[in-house]
């Protein structure tokens, strides 16, 4: 929740900008880390969710490692102080340059997604005189019941190694001299609110790792990825994700063998609710059937509604007048530049401050300069 004191400070700041509630981020991390310790789990924060330097610095200080999906993210994680042995690197299309960056950094594991990728990593590691630790990203063929663009664990998705490929993978691993298999990796999607998906994943992992056990292949690490969703509808009522039930389900359903370590890759669930896009009303346009609130923030600042038809709670921070229905849109020359339709807001006028909530994940990090617009700056609750 954005305090009245924070709103007063917003008046002097050029909009649009991102505002981060550092106290909420620390509260979220505190609960998450306490549960990791309770169950003996490890976690690697997904930098793709938010790569703001201050945000990732706080996450590193809380003890999490880094989950990267590009060579530049690996380099950023190292620069930000994440220990290389806490960095994992996933991605269906790792380039030679990116692989070399990760090999030289000495990361904990490559999450490998295909037979050709394993061959390339083995060759590049040999050329550098390195031993690459790899985990097999397994596609478990589970529907996460989320948006089709962020569901990654179905058999028709591009991600991961399917069970029918296991024989060829096992044969290849026997030939590779510069790689070491250290685990299995799973990630079935993002913004998952049906916790039964994770119960199903645990049962599927038991079936899949048995294939390796039957062939005397040791699996020392199980990485369950991320995916836990947050409440976009009522962020003020539920500012912290349901970590307790999530980890309880994992603990009760995941068969962990002696000496195995369990890893997670949280992203959205850590940072989404602490971030808000703050904008100012440029115009209120009255049409025959609709009223439009036109903001100075656009889809270039927060692309999720245009890309995923994603919903974000929208709040007028300064008006307490009677409520009316508006379409909330931006200034970009695209009809998709729309944050919400038929939204109930207090009567709104030019100059009002508007908050678009739950923007801490996949907000600022996905922003761009389309229409040559300026990038929104970031401000923090502990610095205002």
Protein backbone atom coordinates (compact mmCIF):
# COMPACT_ATOMS: atom_id res chain seq x y z
CA UNK A 1 0.00 0.00 0.00
CA UNK A 2 1.31 3.44 -0.92
CA UNK A 3 1.26 5.75 2.10
CA UNK A 4 -0.04 9.33 2.17
CA UNK A 5 3.50 10.50 2.93
CA UNK A 6 4.77 8.79 -0.20
CA UNK A 7 2.02 10.40 -2.31
CA UNK A 8 3.08 13.84 -1.07
CA UNK A 9 6.64 13.15 -2.18
CA UNK A 10 5.40 12.06 -5.62
CA UNK A 11 4.11 15.57 -6.37
CA UNK A 12 7.64 16.86 -7.00
CA UNK A 13 8.82 13.89 -9.12
CA UNK A 14 8.63 13.83 -12.90
CA UNK A 15 6.22 11.13 -14.04
CA UNK A 16 6.06 8.39 -15.11
CA UNK A 17 8.34 6.56 -12.69
CA UNK A 18 8.61 3.27 -10.85
CA UNK A 19 8.21 3.32 -7.10
CA UNK A 20 9.53 0.45 -5.00
CA UNK A 21 8.32 -0.29 -1.48
CA UNK A 22 11.56 -1.51 0.08
CA UNK A 23 9.91 -2.40 3.38
CA UNK A 24 7.51 -4.77 1.61
CA UNK A 25 10.36 -6.31 -0.38
CA UNK A 26 12.28 -6.98 2.83
CA UNK A 27 9.19 -8.39 4.54
CA UNK A 28 8.60 -10.72 1.57
CA UNK A 29 12.20 -11.86 1.55
CA UNK A 30 12.18 -12.36 5.30
CA UNK A 31 9.27 -14.80 5.12
CA UNK A 32 10.64 -16.56 2.05
CA UNK A 33 14.11 -17.08 3.52
CA UNK A 34 12.69 -18.28 6.85
CA UNK A 35 10.78 -21.00 4.99
CA UNK A 36 13.85 -21.98 2.99
CA UNK A 37 15.71 -22.48 6.25
CA UNK A 38 12.81 -24.38 7.80
CA UNK A 39 12.83 -26.97 5.04
CA UNK A 40 16.53 -26.88 4.12
CA UNK A 41 15.94 -25.59 0.58
CA UNK A 42 18.00 -23.26 -1.62
CA UNK A 43 16.81 -20.53 -4.00
CA UNK A 44 18.11 -18.57 -6.97
CA UNK A 45 16.29 -15.32 -7.73
CA UNK A 46 15.17 -14.99 -11.38
CA UNK A 47 16.83 -11.80 -12.61
CA UNK A 48 14.49 -11.63 -15.59
CA UNK A 49 11.69 -10.50 -13.26
CA UNK A 50 13.48 -7.34 -12.15
CA UNK A 51 17.14 -6.47 -12.63
CA UNK A 52 17.18 -3.10 -10.85
CA UNK A 53 20.56 -2.77 -9.12
CA UNK A 54 19.16 -1.84 -5.71
CA UNK A 55 16.49 -4.53 -5.81
CA UNK A 56 18.89 -7.34 -6.71
CA UNK A 57 21.38 -6.06 -4.14
CA UNK A 58 18.79 -6.46 -1.39
CA UNK A 59 17.91 -9.94 -2.66
CA UNK A 60 21.57 -10.97 -2.71
CA UNK A 61 22.04 -9.72 0.83
CA UNK A 62 19.10 -11.88 1.91
CA UNK A 63 21.10 -14.92 0.83
CA UNK A 64 19.51 -15.93 -2.47
CA UNK A 65 21.52 -16.94 -5.50
CA UNK A 66 20.74 -15.89 -9.08
CA UNK A 67 18.79 -17.58 -11.87
CA UNK A 68 19.86 -16.24 -15.26
CA UNK A 69 18.51 -16.68 -18.78
CA UNK A 70 21.19 -14.86 -20.78
CA UNK A 71 24.93 -14.34 -20.74
CA UNK A 72 24.41 -10.70 -19.84
CA UNK A 73 22.32 -11.73 -16.84
CA UNK A 74 25.15 -14.02 -15.75
CA UNK A 75 27.59 -11.11 -16.07
CA UNK A 76 25.19 -8.85 -14.15
CA UNK A 77 24.80 -11.41 -11.38
CA UNK A 78 28.56 -11.69 -10.98
CA UNK A 79 28.97 -7.90 -11.03
CA UNK A 80 26.21 -7.55 -8.41
CA UNK A 81 28.12 -9.84 -6.07
CA UNK A 82 26.20 -13.11 -6.37
CA UNK A 83 28.54 -16.03 -5.64
CA UNK A 84 29.22 -18.02 -8.85
CA UNK A 85 28.37 -21.25 -7.02
CA UNK A 86 24.85 -19.84 -6.47
CA UNK A 87 24.26 -18.91 -10.13
CA UNK A 88 22.25 -21.14 -12.48
CA UNK A 89 21.78 -20.47 -16.19
CA UNK A 90 18.74 -21.59 -18.18
CA UNK A 91 17.51 -20.77 -21.67
CA UNK A 92 16.56 -22.72 -24.75
CA UNK A 93 18.96 -20.79 -27.02
CA UNK A 94 22.30 -20.15 -25.31
CA UNK A 95 24.87 -18.75 -27.75
CA UNK A 96 28.53 -19.79 -27.76
CA UNK A 97 29.49 -16.36 -26.43
CA UNK A 98 27.01 -16.66 -23.56
CA UNK A 99 28.13 -20.18 -22.69
CA UNK A 100 31.76 -19.04 -22.55
CA UNK A 101 30.79 -16.16 -20.26
CA UNK A 102 29.15 -18.61 -17.85
CA UNK A 103 32.01 -21.12 -18.05
CA UNK A 104 34.59 -18.46 -17.25
CA UNK A 105 32.46 -17.27 -14.33
CA UNK A 106 32.41 -20.79 -12.88
CA UNK A 107 28.64 -20.95 -12.32
CA UNK A 108 26.95 -23.72 -10.35
CA UNK A 109 24.97 -25.18 -13.25
CA UNK A 110 23.76 -24.85 -16.81
CA UNK A 111 20.11 -25.92 -17.05
CA UNK A 112 20.34 -27.70 -20.41
CA UNK A 113 17.35 -27.90 -22.72
CA UNK A 114 18.44 -30.12 -25.64
CA UNK A 115 20.92 -32.75 -26.79
CA UNK A 116 22.67 -30.33 -29.20
CA UNK A 117 23.15 -27.83 -26.37
CA UNK A 118 24.89 -30.41 -24.19
CA UNK A 119 27.26 -31.23 -27.06
CA UNK A 120 28.12 -27.57 -27.57
CA UNK A 121 28.70 -26.93 -23.85
CA UNK A 122 30.93 -29.99 -23.62
CA UNK A 123 33.02 -28.81 -26.58
CA UNK A 124 33.36 -25.24 -25.37
CA UNK A 125 34.22 -26.38 -21.85
CA UNK A 126 36.95 -28.63 -23.21
CA UNK A 127 38.42 -25.82 -25.29
CA UNK A 128 38.59 -23.63 -22.17
CA UNK A 129 39.94 -26.39 -19.96
CA UNK A 130 36.79 -26.26 -17.83
CA UNK A 131 34.36 -28.81 -16.41
CA UNK A 132 30.76 -27.71 -16.94
CA UNK A 133 28.19 -28.70 -14.34
CA UNK A 134 24.82 -29.30 -15.99
CA UNK A 135 21.27 -30.07 -14.97
CA UNK A 136 18.76 -31.47 -17.44
CA UNK A 137 15.75 -29.21 -17.82
CA UNK A 138 13.02 -31.81 -18.11
CA UNK A 139 9.70 -31.05 -19.75
CA UNK A 140 7.22 -32.87 -17.47
CA UNK A 141 4.17 -32.33 -19.75
CA UNK A 142 2.14 -30.51 -17.11
CA UNK A 143 -0.41 -27.81 -17.93
CA UNK A 144 0.11 -24.98 -15.43
CA UNK A 145 -3.35 -23.49 -16.19
CA UNK A 146 -1.87 -20.06 -16.83
CA UNK A 147 -1.54 -17.75 -19.85
CA UNK A 148 -0.36 -19.63 -22.95
CA UNK A 149 2.61 -17.26 -23.38
CA UNK A 150 4.01 -18.15 -19.93
CA UNK A 151 3.19 -21.86 -19.76
CA UNK A 152 6.46 -23.71 -20.32
CA UNK A 153 5.99 -27.31 -19.18
CA UNK A 154 3.67 -28.83 -21.77
CA UNK A 155 4.97 -31.29 -24.34
CA UNK A 156 4.22 -28.89 -27.20
CA UNK A 157 6.23 -26.05 -25.59
CA UNK A 158 9.74 -25.27 -26.84
CA UNK A 159 11.34 -25.73 -23.43
CA UNK A 160 13.13 -28.68 -21.94
CA UNK A 161 14.07 -32.28 -22.63
CA UNK A 162 11.16 -34.69 -22.96
CA UNK A 163 11.32 -38.18 -21.41
CA UNK A 164 11.47 -39.85 -24.82
CA UNK A 165 14.88 -38.16 -25.27
CA UNK A 166 16.37 -39.64 -22.08
CA UNK A 167 18.08 -42.60 -23.78
CA UNK A 168 19.98 -40.39 -26.20
CA UNK A 169 20.85 -37.95 -23.41
CA UNK A 170 22.22 -40.76 -21.22
CA UNK A 171 24.31 -42.08 -24.11
CA UNK A 172 25.67 -38.61 -24.81
CA UNK A 173 26.57 -37.99 -21.17
CA UNK A 174 28.65 -41.16 -21.27
CA UNK A 175 30.66 -39.69 -24.15
CA UNK A 176 31.07 -36.15 -22.79
CA UNK A 177 34.34 -35.68 -20.93
CA UNK A 178 33.91 -32.03 -19.98
CA UNK A 179 30.45 -32.06 -18.38
CA UNK A 180 29.15 -33.32 -15.07
CA UNK A 181 25.47 -34.07 -14.49
CA UNK A 182 24.48 -32.49 -11.17
CA UNK A 183 20.70 -32.53 -11.28
CA UNK A 184 17.29 -32.24 -12.88
CA UNK A 185 15.54 -28.93 -13.47
CA UNK A 186 11.82 -28.25 -13.91
CA UNK A 187 9.80 -25.13 -14.60
CA UNK A 188 6.19 -25.51 -15.68
CA UNK A 189 5.12 -21.88 -16.07
CA UNK A 190 4.57 -18.55 -14.41
CA UNK A 191 1.80 -16.83 -12.40
CA UNK A 192 0.46 -20.18 -11.17
CA UNK A 193 -2.35 -19.76 -8.63
CA UNK A 194 -3.60 -23.35 -8.65
CA UNK A 195 -1.25 -24.89 -6.08
CA UNK A 196 -2.40 -28.32 -7.17
CA UNK A 197 -0.08 -27.88 -10.16
CA UNK A 198 2.90 -28.06 -7.81
CA UNK A 199 1.52 -31.17 -6.11
CA UNK A 200 1.27 -32.79 -9.54
CA UNK A 201 4.80 -31.65 -10.39
CA UNK A 202 6.19 -33.34 -7.28
CA UNK A 203 4.56 -36.62 -8.21
CA UNK A 204 5.83 -36.33 -11.78
CA UNK A 205 9.37 -35.65 -10.56
CA UNK A 206 9.30 -38.90 -8.59
CA UNK A 207 8.38 -40.81 -11.75
CA UNK A 208 10.95 -39.08 -13.92
CA UNK A 209 13.93 -39.35 -11.63
CA UNK A 210 13.25 -43.06 -11.16
CA UNK A 211 14.33 -43.54 -14.79
CA UNK A 212 17.78 -42.27 -13.86
CA UNK A 213 17.94 -44.24 -10.61
CA UNK A 214 17.17 -47.46 -12.50
CA UNK A 215 20.28 -46.79 -14.62
CA UNK A 216 22.51 -45.92 -11.67
CA UNK A 217 22.67 -42.25 -12.65
CA UNK A 218 22.96 -40.10 -9.53
CA UNK A 219 20.73 -37.04 -9.27
CA UNK A 220 22.13 -34.85 -6.51
CA UNK A 221 20.00 -31.74 -7.09
CA UNK A 222 16.32 -31.19 -7.85
CA UNK A 223 15.43 -27.70 -9.10
CA UNK A 224 11.70 -27.02 -9.17
CA UNK A 225 12.00 -23.63 -10.87
CA UNK A 226 9.53 -20.91 -9.96
CA UNK A 227 6.03 -20.01 -11.03
CA UNK A 228 4.13 -19.17 -7.84
CA UNK A 229 1.62 -16.45 -8.66
CA UNK A 230 0.63 -13.23 -6.90
CA UNK A 231 -2.67 -11.41 -6.44
CA UNK A 232 -3.01 -8.83 -9.22
CA UNK A 233 -6.67 -8.22 -8.37
CA UNK A 234 -6.31 -7.21 -4.71
CA UNK A 235 -2.65 -6.39 -4.09
CA UNK A 236 -3.31 -4.31 -0.97
CA UNK A 237 -5.16 -7.20 0.68
CA UNK A 238 -2.56 -9.82 -0.31
CA UNK A 239 0.82 -8.11 -0.61
CA UNK A 240 2.79 -11.33 -0.01
CA UNK A 241 2.45 -14.52 -2.05
CA UNK A 242 1.17 -17.72 -0.43
CA UNK A 243 4.63 -19.08 0.40
CA UNK A 244 3.49 -21.08 3.44
CA UNK A 245 1.03 -23.31 1.54
CA UNK A 246 3.38 -23.52 -1.44
CA UNK A 247 6.29 -24.89 0.58
CA UNK A 248 4.00 -27.08 2.66
CA UNK A 249 2.78 -28.76 -0.54
CA UNK A 250 6.35 -29.24 -1.78
CA UNK A 251 7.52 -30.65 1.55
CA UNK A 252 4.63 -33.12 1.78
CA UNK A 253 4.71 -34.31 -1.82
CA UNK A 254 8.30 -34.17 -3.05
CA UNK A 255 10.23 -37.38 -2.50
CA UNK A 256 13.73 -36.18 -1.63
CA UNK A 257 16.42 -38.82 -1.54
CA UNK A 258 19.39 -38.88 0.84
CA UNK A 259 21.98 -36.16 0.08
CA UNK A 260 19.73 -34.49 -2.50
CA UNK A 261 19.42 -30.71 -2.42
CA UNK A 262 16.21 -28.95 -3.46
CA UNK A 263 16.33 -25.63 -5.31
CA UNK A 264 13.81 -22.99 -6.40
CA UNK A 265 13.90 -20.04 -8.79
CA UNK A 266 11.46 -17.40 -7.50
CA UNK A 267 11.04 -14.17 -9.43
CA UNK A 268 7.59 -12.61 -9.65
CA UNK A 269 6.60 -13.81 -6.17
CA UNK A 270 9.50 -11.91 -4.61
CA UNK A 271 9.29 -8.55 -6.39
CA UNK A 272 5.89 -8.08 -8.07
CA UNK A 273 3.96 -6.47 -5.23
CA UNK A 274 6.70 -4.08 -4.10
CA UNK A 275 6.71 -2.20 -7.42
CA UNK A 276 4.24 0.40 -8.73
CA UNK A 277 4.18 2.46 -11.92
CA UNK A 278 3.26 6.03 -10.99
CA UNK A 279 1.77 8.20 -13.72
CA UNK A 280 -0.01 11.51 -14.11
CA UNK A 281 -3.24 12.19 -15.99
CA UNK A 282 -2.66 14.22 -19.14
CA UNK A 283 -6.26 14.45 -20.29
CA UNK A 284 -9.73 13.08 -19.61
CA UNK A 285 -11.45 12.55 -22.93
CA UNK A 286 -15.25 12.16 -23.02
CA UNK A 287 -16.56 10.01 -25.86
CA UNK A 288 -20.12 9.10 -26.75
CA UNK A 289 -19.97 5.81 -24.86
CA UNK A 290 -16.67 5.88 -22.99
CA UNK A 291 -14.55 8.14 -20.87
CA UNK A 292 -10.81 7.89 -21.39
CA UNK A 293 -8.16 8.68 -18.78
CA UNK A 294 -5.03 9.38 -20.83
CA UNK A 295 -1.82 8.90 -18.83
CA UNK A 296 1.73 10.00 -19.42
CA UNK A 297 2.80 6.35 -18.93
CA UNK A 298 2.45 4.01 -21.86
CA UNK A 299 2.91 0.45 -23.00
CA UNK A 300 6.61 1.19 -23.42
CA UNK A 301 6.79 1.60 -19.62
CA UNK A 302 4.65 -1.43 -18.74
CA UNK A 303 3.99 -3.79 -21.64
CA UNK A 304 2.23 -6.63 -19.78
CA UNK A 305 -1.36 -5.45 -20.47
CA UNK A 306 -0.63 -5.08 -24.18
CA UNK A 307 1.41 -8.28 -24.47
CA UNK A 308 -0.53 -10.64 -22.19
CA UNK A 309 -3.83 -8.79 -21.75
CA UNK A 310 -2.68 -8.76 -18.12
CA UNK A 311 -4.74 -7.11 -15.40
CA UNK A 312 -3.21 -4.63 -12.96
CA UNK A 313 -5.11 -2.88 -10.18
CA UNK A 314 -5.26 0.87 -10.94
CA UNK A 315 -5.71 3.54 -8.26
CA UNK A 316 -6.22 7.28 -8.29
CA UNK A 317 -3.97 8.38 -5.44
CA UNK A 318 -5.41 11.88 -4.94
CA UNK A 319 -9.13 11.88 -5.71
CA UNK A 320 -11.92 10.86 -3.32
CA UNK A 321 -14.85 11.95 -5.48
CA UNK A 322 -17.68 9.69 -6.61
CA UNK A 323 -16.61 6.77 -8.74
CA UNK A 324 -17.01 6.60 -12.49
CA UNK A 325 -16.04 4.16 -15.22
CA UNK A 326 -13.02 4.89 -17.40
CA UNK A 327 -10.77 3.28 -19.94
CA UNK A 328 -7.22 3.95 -18.75
CA UNK A 329 -4.86 4.37 -21.69
CA UNK A 330 -1.43 5.71 -22.56
CA UNK A 331 -0.01 8.11 -25.15
CA UNK A 332 1.70 5.57 -27.44
CA UNK A 333 0.46 5.38 -31.02
CA UNK A 334 -0.97 1.86 -30.69
CA UNK A 335 -4.55 0.81 -29.91
CA UNK A 336 -3.08 -1.84 -27.60
CA UNK A 337 -1.63 0.93 -25.40
CA UNK A 338 -4.29 0.36 -22.77
CA UNK A 339 -3.90 -0.44 -19.07
CA UNK A 340 -7.53 -1.29 -18.37
CA UNK A 341 -11.06 -0.95 -19.69
CA UNK A 342 -14.23 -0.06 -17.79
CA UNK A 343 -12.23 0.65 -14.62
CA UNK A 344 -13.97 2.18 -11.60
CA UNK A 345 -12.04 5.23 -10.40
CA UNK A 346 -12.96 8.31 -8.37
CA UNK A 347 -13.81 11.18 -10.70
CA UNK A 348 -10.48 11.92 -12.32
CA UNK A 349 -9.01 15.08 -13.80
CA UNK A 350 -5.85 16.37 -15.45
CA UNK A 351 -2.88 16.23 -13.10
CA UNK A 352 -4.15 13.44 -10.85
CA UNK A 353 -1.58 10.87 -9.78
CA UNK A 354 -2.38 7.30 -10.83
CA UNK A 355 -0.74 4.13 -9.50
CA UNK A 356 -0.62 0.93 -11.51
CA UNK A 357 0.06 -1.74 -8.90
CA UNK A 358 1.90 -5.08 -8.89
CA UNK A 359 4.40 -3.76 -11.42
CA UNK A 360 7.58 -4.89 -9.69
CA UNK A 361 7.93 -7.96 -11.92
CA UNK A 362 8.22 -7.71 -15.71
CA UNK A 363 7.60 -3.97 -15.57
CA UNK A 364 10.67 -1.78 -15.59
CA UNK A 365 12.86 -4.63 -16.83
CA UNK A 366 10.75 -4.96 -20.02
CA UNK A 367 10.44 -1.23 -20.69
CA UNK A 368 11.62 0.20 -24.00
CA UNK A 369 11.96 3.47 -25.91
CA UNK A 370 9.24 2.89 -28.50
CA UNK A 371 8.12 6.24 -29.98
CA UNK A 372 11.51 7.47 -28.63
CA UNK A 373 9.94 7.92 -25.22
CA UNK A 374 12.13 8.35 -22.15
CA UNK A 375 12.64 5.38 -19.86
CA UNK A 376 10.90 5.73 -16.51
CA UNK A 377 13.26 6.23 -13.57
CA UNK A 378 13.09 4.29 -10.30
CA UNK A 379 12.57 5.68 -6.80
CA UNK A 380 12.58 3.84 -3.49
CA UNK A 381 10.54 4.17 -0.31
CA UNK A 382 13.61 4.34 1.92
CA UNK A 383 15.09 7.23 -0.04
CA UNK A 384 12.08 9.58 -0.32
